[in-house]
């Protein structure tokens, strides 16, 4: 299953923002997202909502799908077997 990569998101926001010669404050004004939140996104401390992500992708001109990666962590299931005793045993 694919999931949003915070690392890719942080790099993409900063790369596209600097490419367009925008400060965090200017990006904040264009997207309506608080400047502090943009800073937190760039530091991988905050994941934007879907509407915020859509607005960022429009202003910074990137494809949202490029931020999703396959979850490579294996899923591990553990089963425990044991004896169950009643009071009579």
C-alpha atoms as a PDB file:
ATOM      1  CA  UNK A   1       0.000   0.000   0.000  1.00  0.00           C
ATOM      2  CA  UNK A   2       1.271   3.471  -0.815  1.00  0.00           C
ATOM      3  CA  UNK A   3       1.620   6.175   1.770  1.00  0.00           C
ATOM      4  CA  UNK A   4       2.677   9.802   1.825  1.00  0.00           C
ATOM      5  CA  UNK A   5       6.422  10.250   2.279  1.00  0.00           C
ATOM      6  CA  UNK A   6       7.069  13.096   4.702  1.00  0.00           C
ATOM      7  CA  UNK A   7      10.670  13.179   3.513  1.00  0.00           C
ATOM      8  CA  UNK A   8       9.680  13.611  -0.152  1.00  0.00           C
ATOM      9  CA  UNK A   9       7.066  16.196   0.799  1.00  0.00           C
ATOM     10  CA  UNK A  10       9.556  18.268   2.812  1.00  0.00           C
ATOM     11  CA  UNK A  11      12.134  18.183   0.019  1.00  0.00           C
ATOM     12  CA  UNK A  12       9.558  18.977  -2.666  1.00  0.00           C
ATOM     13  CA  UNK A  13       8.114  21.977  -0.833  1.00  0.00           C
ATOM     14  CA  UNK A  14      11.515  23.494  -0.132  1.00  0.00           C
ATOM     15  CA  UNK A  15      12.869  22.729  -3.625  1.00  0.00           C
ATOM     16  CA  UNK A  16       9.864  24.160  -5.463  1.00  0.00           C
ATOM     17  CA  UNK A  17       9.561  27.139  -3.107  1.00  0.00           C
ATOM     18  CA  UNK A  18      13.205  28.144  -3.612  1.00  0.00           C
ATOM     19  CA  UNK A  19      12.980  27.428  -7.352  1.00  0.00           C
ATOM     20  CA  UNK A  20      10.104  29.935  -7.547  1.00  0.00           C
ATOM     21  CA  UNK A  21      12.118  32.315  -5.349  1.00  0.00           C
ATOM     22  CA  UNK A  22       9.448  32.405  -2.637  1.00  0.00           C
ATOM     23  CA  UNK A  23       9.943  32.871   1.079  1.00  0.00           C
ATOM     24  CA  UNK A  24       7.878  30.821   3.500  1.00  0.00           C
ATOM     25  CA  UNK A  25       5.875  33.972   4.198  1.00  0.00           C
ATOM     26  CA  UNK A  26       5.126  34.513   0.489  1.00  0.00           C
ATOM     27  CA  UNK A  27       4.126  30.870   0.086  1.00  0.00           C
ATOM     28  CA  UNK A  28       1.898  31.279   3.122  1.00  0.00           C
ATOM     29  CA  UNK A  29       0.115  34.219   1.493  1.00  0.00           C
ATOM     30  CA  UNK A  30      -0.382  32.327  -1.785  1.00  0.00           C
ATOM     31  CA  UNK A  31      -1.693  29.143  -0.160  1.00  0.00           C
ATOM     32  CA  UNK A  32      -3.459  30.441   2.940  1.00  0.00           C
ATOM     33  CA  UNK A  33      -1.365  28.047   5.043  1.00  0.00           C
ATOM     34  CA  UNK A  34       0.252  29.481   8.161  1.00  0.00           C
ATOM     35  CA  UNK A  35       3.973  30.234   7.669  1.00  0.00           C
ATOM     36  CA  UNK A  36       4.891  28.252  10.784  1.00  0.00           C
ATOM     37  CA  UNK A  37       3.094  25.199   9.350  1.00  0.00           C
ATOM     38  CA  UNK A  38       5.069  25.515   6.112  1.00  0.00           C
ATOM     39  CA  UNK A  39       8.280  25.582   8.144  1.00  0.00           C
ATOM     40  CA  UNK A  40       7.162  22.498  10.060  1.00  0.00           C
ATOM     41  CA  UNK A  41       6.371  20.698   6.786  1.00  0.00           C
ATOM     42  CA  UNK A  42       9.872  21.470   5.504  1.00  0.00           C
ATOM     43  CA  UNK A  43      11.315  20.006   8.730  1.00  0.00           C
ATOM     44  CA  UNK A  44       9.112  16.880   8.472  1.00  0.00           C
ATOM     45  CA  UNK A  45       7.216  17.820  11.634  1.00  0.00           C
ATOM     46  CA  UNK A  46       3.750  18.296  10.127  1.00  0.00           C
ATOM     47  CA  UNK A  47       1.680  16.500   7.496  1.00  0.00           C
ATOM     48  CA  UNK A  48      -0.741  18.818   5.672  1.00  0.00           C
ATOM     49  CA  UNK A  49      -4.414  18.072   5.197  1.00  0.00           C
ATOM     50  CA  UNK A  50      -5.593  17.052   1.724  1.00  0.00           C
ATOM     51  CA  UNK A  51      -6.887  20.558   0.883  1.00  0.00           C
ATOM     52  CA  UNK A  52      -3.565  22.048   2.038  1.00  0.00           C
ATOM     53  CA  UNK A  53      -1.642  19.507  -0.035  1.00  0.00           C
ATOM     54  CA  UNK A  54      -3.753  20.326  -3.106  1.00  0.00           C
ATOM     55  CA  UNK A  55      -3.154  24.062  -2.651  1.00  0.00           C
ATOM     56  CA  UNK A  56       0.604  23.527  -2.261  1.00  0.00           C
ATOM     57  CA  UNK A  57       0.719  21.387  -5.401  1.00  0.00           C
ATOM     58  CA  UNK A  58      -1.133  24.065  -7.391  1.00  0.00           C
ATOM     59  CA  UNK A  59       1.044  26.964  -6.238  1.00  0.00           C
ATOM     60  CA  UNK A  60       4.345  25.063  -6.384  1.00  0.00           C
ATOM     61  CA  UNK A  61       3.473  23.050  -9.526  1.00  0.00           C
ATOM     62  CA  UNK A  62       4.198  19.489  -8.442  1.00  0.00           C
ATOM     63  CA  UNK A  63       2.324  16.220  -8.812  1.00  0.00           C
ATOM     64  CA  UNK A  64       0.850  14.962  -5.544  1.00  0.00           C
ATOM     65  CA  UNK A  65       1.209  11.360  -6.724  1.00  0.00           C
ATOM     66  CA  UNK A  66       5.001  11.741  -6.749  1.00  0.00           C
ATOM     67  CA  UNK A  67       4.915  12.048  -2.949  1.00  0.00           C
ATOM     68  CA  UNK A  68       3.464   8.592  -2.379  1.00  0.00           C
ATOM     69  CA  UNK A  69       5.762   5.601  -1.978  1.00  0.00           C
ATOM     70  CA  UNK A  70       5.222   1.927  -1.373  1.00  0.00           C
ATOM     71  CA  UNK A  71       5.284   0.993   2.284  1.00  0.00           C
ATOM     72  CA  UNK A  72       8.367  -1.197   2.395  1.00  0.00           C
ATOM     73  CA  UNK A  73       8.091  -2.082   6.059  1.00  0.00           C
ATOM     74  CA  UNK A  74       7.091  -5.704   6.413  1.00  0.00           C
ATOM     75  CA  UNK A  75       3.964  -6.432   8.360  1.00  0.00           C
ATOM     76  CA  UNK A  76       4.719  -8.856  11.160  1.00  0.00           C
ATOM     77  CA  UNK A  77       2.035 -10.830  12.900  1.00  0.00           C
ATOM     78  CA  UNK A  78       2.718 -12.684  16.127  1.00  0.00           C
ATOM     79  CA  UNK A  79       0.620 -15.540  17.396  1.00  0.00           C
ATOM     80  CA  UNK A  80       0.904 -16.710  20.967  1.00  0.00           C
ATOM     81  CA  UNK A  81      -0.027 -20.205  21.964  1.00  0.00           C
ATOM     82  CA  UNK A  82      -0.439 -21.208  25.504  1.00  0.00           C
ATOM     83  CA  UNK A  83      -2.356 -23.339  27.871  1.00  0.00           C
ATOM     84  CA  UNK A  84      -5.497 -22.162  29.505  1.00  0.00           C
ATOM     85  CA  UNK A  85      -6.315 -23.605  32.870  1.00  0.00           C
ATOM     86  CA  UNK A  86      -9.600 -23.586  34.679  1.00  0.00           C
ATOM     87  CA  UNK A  87      -9.996 -23.540  38.454  1.00  0.00           C
ATOM     88  CA  UNK A  88     -10.549 -27.282  38.432  1.00  0.00           C
ATOM     89  CA  UNK A  89      -7.183 -28.059  36.860  1.00  0.00           C
END
